[in-house]
Amino acid sequence: MLQTFLLAFVLAIVLVALIIGAYFYINTRSPPYLHDIPTKDAFVVVTGAASGIGKSTVDLLVAKKCFVFALDLNETLLKESFGDNKQVKIVTVNIANTDQVKEAASVIEQTLSQKKAKLAGLVNCAGVLYREYCGLVETDESEMNRMFGVNVFGLIRMTNAMYPLLGKNASIVNIASIAALIGLPFMSYYSATKFAVRGYSDTLRREFLGMHRVSCVEPGGTISNIAAHTPVVRETSILKDKVGSMFKVLMGDGEPTMQPSSAVAQVIVSCLFSSNAPAHVFADFWNMRVKFFLSHAFGTYLFDSTLEKAYTKPDDEFNKKYSLNKALAGKSE
């Protein structure tokens, strides 16, 4: 009896220590942003600017007196959002298309030349998600190519095109995802693209030391509309009964708590204009940061074991109650 009590006491102390450690880790991992770089009349390029995190970033940059090149594939949304704004130049571009990126770079270069300016920053925010959820081995090659084409190669293509236009000590902020921190089942290729962005950002940052600053922002669940179409669960998937279980583990029984895109935009702009911007920022509510710290502290065991238990008891009621296909629309990071 005494041994059991002592063991429980020791485990409780270890758990408290982990929680306290997580708190200090989370609050000291990134130093307070200095905000020591002037924003007035700074020229910044933002991709994926028509909606979600990209749009919120443009709005915040405009409020800080920056001049913004707002890039997106959706010209209609760009015009609706920024058509009359003198601080924003709209550039329609598909970053998955090399020729279009070159044309966009030419337009930006001409404008900078006219204003005798250089870019202070580049925000690579454009990205796409799955059109439907299914197993890794069931994903169509065209879908795989679409995600890598935008999320990885498009981001790299934009960085290569903008690099010659960067001014001294400029900043590049690449947007990854929580999916770059933990591989999410049924979103496997999306996770793979975000892991790639994280690795690419690390390499670029080390190459640019002493020249430019590079940060990778990894948002958690964010109110956004990254998906071109509402993600749905593929009816013919052999794993379809597990999809609901996975989302239940991630989100709980009720409506998930999503951060506003403006919160992520604040982090992005802080990285752009702070000389001490961190290499990585996991942008989410504090409780989610604690949750993922503990997941990493316990390795893969905590998440995997919880997921495995959920798989053994598929929750049809949850799928019905949560109306998965509808609830996820417009709520993906």
Protein backbone atom coordinates (compact mmCIF):
# COMPACT_ATOMS: atom_id res chain seq x y z
CA MET A 1 0.00 0.00 0.00
CA LEU A 2 2.80 2.38 0.97
CA GLN A 3 4.73 1.52 -2.21
CA THR A 4 1.68 2.26 -4.33
CA PHE A 5 1.20 5.59 -2.57
CA LEU A 6 4.86 6.53 -3.04
CA LEU A 7 4.74 5.58 -6.71
CA ALA A 8 1.61 7.67 -7.24
CA PHE A 9 3.23 10.57 -5.35
CA VAL A 10 6.37 10.42 -7.50
CA LEU A 11 4.31 10.25 -10.71
CA ALA A 12 2.27 13.26 -9.56
CA ILE A 13 5.46 15.24 -8.93
CA VAL A 14 6.80 14.28 -12.36
CA LEU A 15 3.54 15.37 -14.00
CA VAL A 16 3.55 18.72 -12.16
CA ALA A 17 7.19 19.23 -13.13
CA LEU A 18 6.34 18.55 -16.78
CA ILE A 19 3.48 21.03 -16.71
CA ILE A 20 5.61 23.71 -15.03
CA GLY A 21 8.43 22.96 -17.45
CA ALA A 22 6.02 23.25 -20.36
CA TYR A 23 4.81 26.61 -19.09
CA PHE A 24 8.30 28.07 -18.85
CA TYR A 25 9.37 26.45 -22.12
CA ILE A 26 6.41 27.89 -23.98
CA ASN A 27 6.81 31.35 -22.50
CA THR A 28 10.58 31.56 -22.87
CA ARG A 29 11.06 29.71 -26.16
CA SER A 30 10.54 32.92 -28.09
CA PRO A 31 11.88 36.15 -26.57
CA PRO A 32 9.54 39.14 -26.51
CA TYR A 33 9.49 40.66 -29.98
CA LEU A 34 11.56 43.83 -30.14
CA HIS A 35 9.51 45.46 -32.92
CA ASP A 36 12.64 47.49 -33.57
CA ILE A 37 12.42 47.68 -37.38
CA PRO A 38 10.37 50.57 -38.83
CA THR A 39 7.19 49.57 -40.63
CA LYS A 40 6.33 52.91 -42.25
CA ASP A 41 6.80 52.81 -46.04
CA ALA A 42 8.18 49.26 -45.90
CA PHE A 43 7.43 47.17 -48.99
CA VAL A 44 6.18 43.63 -48.34
CA VAL A 45 4.97 40.80 -50.58
CA VAL A 46 2.21 38.53 -49.24
CA THR A 47 1.04 35.42 -51.12
CA GLY A 48 -2.35 33.85 -50.46
CA ALA A 49 -3.55 37.39 -49.73
CA ALA A 50 -7.18 37.12 -50.80
CA SER A 51 -8.51 35.45 -47.66
CA GLY A 52 -7.74 34.00 -44.24
CA ILE A 53 -4.31 34.50 -42.70
CA GLY A 54 -2.96 36.18 -45.84
CA LYS A 55 -5.72 38.79 -45.92
CA SER A 56 -5.40 39.48 -42.19
CA THR A 57 -1.65 39.94 -42.66
CA VAL A 58 -2.19 42.45 -45.47
CA ASP A 59 -4.75 44.34 -43.36
CA LEU A 60 -2.34 44.58 -40.43
CA LEU A 61 0.56 45.66 -42.65
CA VAL A 62 -1.59 48.40 -44.18
CA ALA A 63 -2.54 49.57 -40.68
CA LYS A 64 1.18 49.85 -39.94
CA LYS A 65 1.70 52.09 -43.00
CA CYS A 66 3.40 49.46 -45.18
CA PHE A 67 2.99 49.18 -48.94
CA VAL A 68 1.86 45.63 -49.77
CA PHE A 69 1.98 43.54 -52.92
CA ALA A 70 -1.05 41.28 -52.43
CA LEU A 71 -0.69 38.08 -54.48
CA ASP A 72 -3.34 35.43 -55.01
CA LEU A 73 -4.93 33.24 -57.67
CA ASN A 74 -8.38 34.64 -56.91
CA GLU A 75 -8.50 38.04 -58.60
CA THR A 76 -12.15 38.63 -57.68
CA LEU A 77 -11.50 38.25 -53.97
CA LEU A 78 -8.38 40.40 -54.19
CA LYS A 79 -10.35 43.24 -55.80
CA GLU A 80 -13.18 42.90 -53.26
CA SER A 81 -10.69 43.10 -50.39
CA PHE A 82 -8.16 45.67 -51.60
CA GLY A 83 -9.41 47.18 -54.86
CA ASP A 84 -9.56 50.79 -53.63
CA ASN A 85 -6.62 50.68 -51.24
CA LYS A 86 -3.72 52.88 -52.40
CA GLN A 87 -1.30 51.02 -50.13
CA VAL A 88 -1.95 47.69 -51.83
CA LYS A 89 -0.98 46.56 -55.32
CA ILE A 90 -2.97 43.53 -56.47
CA VAL A 91 -1.07 40.89 -58.43
CA THR A 92 -2.97 37.86 -59.71
CA VAL A 93 -0.73 34.81 -59.89
CA ASN A 94 -0.78 31.03 -59.64
CA ILE A 95 2.42 30.30 -57.75
CA ALA A 96 2.38 26.74 -59.09
CA ASN A 97 3.07 28.19 -62.55
CA THR A 98 6.67 29.26 -63.24
CA ASP A 99 5.81 31.71 -66.02
CA GLN A 100 3.15 33.45 -63.93
CA VAL A 101 5.58 33.83 -61.03
CA LYS A 102 8.14 35.40 -63.36
CA GLU A 103 5.50 37.83 -64.64
CA ALA A 104 4.48 38.72 -61.09
CA ALA A 105 8.13 39.29 -60.15
CA SER A 106 8.51 41.61 -63.14
CA VAL A 107 5.48 43.68 -62.06
CA ILE A 108 6.82 43.93 -58.50
CA GLU A 109 10.30 44.85 -59.73
CA GLN A 110 8.91 47.63 -61.95
CA THR A 111 6.93 49.13 -59.07
CA LEU A 112 9.93 48.98 -56.73
CA SER A 113 12.11 50.58 -59.37
CA GLN A 114 9.64 53.44 -59.84
CA LYS A 115 9.59 54.04 -56.09
CA LYS A 116 13.34 53.47 -55.73
CA ALA A 117 12.75 50.87 -53.08
CA LYS A 118 13.58 47.31 -52.09
CA LEU A 119 11.47 44.67 -50.39
CA ALA A 120 11.55 44.65 -46.59
CA GLY A 121 9.77 41.32 -46.39
CA LEU A 122 8.18 38.32 -48.06
CA VAL A 123 5.34 36.34 -46.48
CA ASN A 124 4.77 32.95 -48.11
CA CYS A 125 1.22 32.28 -46.99
CA ALA A 126 -0.41 30.62 -50.01
CA GLY A 127 -1.39 27.00 -49.52
CA VAL A 128 -3.97 24.34 -50.32
CA LEU A 129 -5.47 21.46 -48.35
CA TYR A 130 -7.03 18.15 -49.36
CA ARG A 131 -10.23 18.18 -51.38
CA GLU A 132 -11.21 14.95 -49.65
CA TYR A 133 -9.95 12.95 -46.69
CA CYS A 134 -8.74 9.42 -47.33
CA GLY A 135 -5.80 7.14 -46.58
CA LEU A 136 -2.26 7.91 -47.67
CA VAL A 137 -2.17 4.94 -50.05
CA GLU A 138 -5.50 5.98 -51.57
CA THR A 139 -4.59 9.58 -52.41
CA ASP A 140 -4.62 10.36 -56.14
CA GLU A 141 -1.29 11.37 -57.63
CA SER A 142 -2.88 14.49 -59.08
CA GLU A 143 -3.91 15.55 -55.58
CA MET A 144 -0.41 14.89 -54.29
CA ASN A 145 1.09 16.97 -57.11
CA ARG A 146 -1.40 19.79 -56.51
CA MET A 147 -0.49 20.11 -52.82
CA PHE A 148 3.27 19.87 -53.33
CA GLY A 149 3.01 22.16 -56.36
CA VAL A 150 1.57 25.01 -54.27
CA ASN A 151 2.64 24.36 -50.67
CA VAL A 152 6.28 23.47 -51.38
CA PHE A 153 7.41 24.20 -54.94
CA GLY A 154 5.26 27.33 -55.20
CA LEU A 155 6.74 28.68 -51.96
CA ILE A 156 10.29 27.93 -53.13
CA ARG A 157 9.53 29.41 -56.57
CA MET A 158 8.29 32.65 -54.98
CA THR A 159 11.31 32.88 -52.68
CA ASN A 160 13.70 32.42 -55.60
CA ALA A 161 11.86 35.08 -57.62
CA MET A 162 11.74 37.62 -54.77
CA TYR A 163 15.29 37.08 -53.47
CA PRO A 164 16.94 39.55 -55.92
CA LEU A 165 14.42 42.22 -54.87
CA LEU A 166 15.11 41.99 -51.12
CA GLY A 167 16.73 44.92 -49.38
CA LYS A 168 19.43 44.66 -46.73
CA ASN A 169 18.48 42.54 -43.71
CA ALA A 170 15.02 41.78 -45.11
CA SER A 171 12.72 39.18 -43.57
CA ILE A 172 11.13 36.05 -45.02
CA VAL A 173 8.26 34.45 -43.11
CA ASN A 174 7.09 31.04 -44.30
CA ILE A 175 3.75 29.71 -43.09
CA ALA A 176 3.75 26.02 -42.22
CA SER A 177 1.17 24.45 -39.89
CA ILE A 178 0.61 22.40 -36.78
CA ALA A 179 0.77 19.58 -39.35
CA ALA A 180 4.51 20.34 -39.59
CA LEU A 181 4.88 19.35 -35.92
CA ILE A 182 2.89 16.13 -35.89
CA GLY A 183 1.96 13.89 -38.81
CA LEU A 184 -1.81 13.94 -39.14
CA PRO A 185 -3.47 10.79 -40.50
CA PHE A 186 -5.77 11.24 -43.50
CA MET A 187 -3.97 14.50 -44.25
CA SER A 188 -0.67 12.78 -44.91
CA TYR A 189 0.53 14.62 -48.01
CA TYR A 190 -0.57 17.94 -46.51
CA SER A 191 1.52 17.14 -43.42
CA ALA A 192 4.41 16.14 -45.68
CA THR A 193 4.30 19.49 -47.48
CA LYS A 194 4.32 21.37 -44.19
CA PHE A 195 7.21 19.30 -42.81
CA ALA A 196 9.02 20.21 -46.03
CA VAL A 197 8.33 23.93 -45.51
CA ARG A 198 9.69 23.69 -41.97
CA GLY A 199 12.88 21.98 -43.14
CA TYR A 200 13.30 24.35 -46.07
CA SER A 201 12.92 27.34 -43.73
CA ASP A 202 15.61 26.01 -41.40
CA THR A 203 18.06 25.55 -44.26
CA LEU A 204 17.28 28.94 -45.78
CA ARG A 205 17.68 30.65 -42.41
CA ARG A 206 21.13 29.16 -41.89
CA GLU A 207 22.22 30.08 -45.41
CA PHE A 208 21.01 33.67 -44.92
CA LEU A 209 22.63 34.25 -41.51
CA GLY A 210 24.05 37.76 -41.48
CA MET A 211 22.09 38.66 -44.64
CA HIS A 212 18.36 38.17 -44.11
CA ARG A 213 16.07 36.83 -41.38
CA VAL A 214 13.91 33.74 -41.90
CA SER A 215 11.11 32.58 -39.61
CA CYS A 216 8.66 29.70 -39.91
CA VAL A 217 5.24 30.26 -38.36
CA GLU A 218 3.29 27.10 -37.55
CA PRO A 219 -0.36 27.97 -36.83
CA GLY A 220 -2.73 25.64 -35.05
CA GLY A 221 -6.43 25.55 -35.88
CA THR A 222 -7.29 28.88 -37.49
CA ILE A 223 -10.51 30.31 -38.88
CA SER A 224 -9.53 30.38 -42.52
CA ASN A 225 -10.60 29.17 -45.93
CA ILE A 226 -7.50 27.44 -47.24
CA ALA A 227 -9.47 24.74 -49.04
CA ALA A 228 -10.58 25.54 -52.58
CA HIS A 229 -13.41 23.08 -51.98
CA THR A 230 -15.06 21.77 -48.83
CA PRO A 231 -12.99 18.79 -47.61
CA VAL A 232 -15.08 15.63 -47.52
CA VAL A 233 -14.49 12.07 -46.39
CA ARG A 234 -14.18 9.81 -49.43
CA GLU A 235 -17.11 7.40 -49.25
CA THR A 236 -15.15 4.56 -50.87
CA SER A 237 -12.15 4.87 -48.53
CA ILE A 238 -11.33 1.66 -46.68
CA LEU A 239 -10.39 3.88 -43.73
CA LYS A 240 -13.46 6.12 -43.73
CA ASP A 241 -14.69 4.84 -40.33
CA LYS A 242 -11.45 6.02 -38.75
CA VAL A 243 -11.56 9.60 -40.02
CA GLY A 244 -14.21 10.69 -37.53
CA SER A 245 -12.27 9.06 -34.69
CA MET A 246 -9.13 10.97 -35.65
CA PHE A 247 -10.94 14.30 -35.61
CA LYS A 248 -12.57 13.43 -32.30
CA VAL A 249 -9.12 12.87 -30.77
CA LEU A 250 -7.89 16.19 -32.20
CA MET A 251 -10.97 18.31 -31.50
CA GLY A 252 -12.85 16.64 -28.64
CA ASP A 253 -16.59 16.03 -28.49
CA GLY A 254 -17.69 19.54 -29.26
CA GLU A 255 -16.89 22.40 -31.57
CA PRO A 256 -13.12 22.97 -31.82
CA THR A 257 -11.67 26.22 -30.55
CA MET A 258 -10.20 28.07 -33.49
CA GLN A 259 -8.00 31.14 -33.24
CA PRO A 260 -8.82 34.11 -35.47
CA SER A 261 -6.59 34.63 -38.49
CA SER A 262 -5.75 38.08 -37.11
CA ALA A 263 -3.91 36.43 -34.20
CA VAL A 264 -1.61 34.59 -36.61
CA ALA A 265 -1.17 37.77 -38.66
CA GLN A 266 0.07 39.54 -35.51
CA VAL A 267 2.76 36.87 -35.09
CA ILE A 268 3.76 37.15 -38.76
CA VAL A 269 4.11 40.93 -38.66
CA SER A 270 6.05 40.71 -35.37
CA CYS A 271 8.51 38.34 -37.06
CA LEU A 272 8.82 40.64 -40.07
CA PHE A 273 9.77 43.71 -38.04
CA SER A 274 11.73 42.32 -35.08
CA SER A 275 15.47 41.75 -35.29
CA ASN A 276 15.16 38.96 -32.70
CA ALA A 277 12.42 37.04 -34.54
CA PRO A 278 12.61 33.33 -33.63
CA ALA A 279 13.32 30.56 -36.12
CA HIS A 280 10.00 28.86 -35.34
CA VAL A 281 6.74 29.99 -33.77
CA PHE A 282 3.88 27.64 -32.94
CA ALA A 283 0.99 30.09 -33.14
CA ASP A 284 -1.99 28.92 -31.11
CA PHE A 285 -3.78 29.28 -27.77
CA TRP A 286 -1.64 28.52 -24.70
CA ASN A 287 -3.55 25.32 -23.86
CA MET A 288 -2.83 23.91 -27.32
CA ARG A 289 0.84 24.77 -26.92
CA VAL A 290 0.87 22.86 -23.61
CA LYS A 291 -0.92 19.91 -25.21
CA PHE A 292 1.60 19.60 -28.00
CA PHE A 293 4.54 20.15 -25.68
CA LEU A 294 3.35 17.19 -23.59
CA SER A 295 2.81 15.14 -26.75
CA HIS A 296 6.43 15.75 -27.74
CA ALA A 297 7.64 15.17 -24.18
CA PHE A 298 6.10 11.69 -24.24
CA GLY A 299 7.31 11.01 -27.78
CA THR A 300 4.73 9.45 -30.10
CA TYR A 301 3.16 7.31 -27.37
CA LEU A 302 0.54 9.74 -26.07
CA PHE A 303 -0.99 10.68 -29.42
CA ASP A 304 -0.64 7.22 -30.99
CA SER A 305 -2.11 5.31 -28.06
CA THR A 306 -5.08 7.70 -27.83
CA LEU A 307 -5.63 7.40 -31.56
CA GLU A 308 -5.40 3.61 -31.50
CA LYS A 309 -8.03 3.39 -28.76
CA ALA A 310 -10.32 5.68 -30.72
CA TYR A 311 -9.90 3.52 -33.83
CA THR A 312 -11.08 0.41 -32.01
CA LYS A 313 -14.41 2.09 -31.25
CA PRO A 314 -15.53 4.12 -34.27
CA ASP A 315 -18.02 6.76 -33.14
CA ASP A 316 -20.78 6.94 -35.74
CA GLU A 317 -22.75 9.27 -33.48
CA PHE A 318 -19.85 11.72 -33.46
CA ASN A 319 -19.73 11.77 -37.26
CA LYS A 320 -23.44 12.50 -37.34
CA LYS A 321 -23.43 15.01 -34.50
CA TYR A 322 -20.38 16.87 -35.75
CA SER A 323 -21.50 16.73 -39.40
CA LEU A 324 -17.84 16.38 -40.34
CA ASN A 325 -18.05 17.28 -44.00
CA LYS A 326 -19.86 20.54 -43.29
CA ALA A 327 -18.14 21.54 -40.05
CA LEU A 328 -14.69 21.46 -41.58
CA ALA A 329 -15.62 23.83 -44.39
CA GLY A 330 -13.70 27.06 -44.03
CA LYS A 331 -12.19 25.99 -40.72
CA SER A 332 -8.96 24.43 -41.82
CA GLU A 333 -5.58 26.05 -41.14
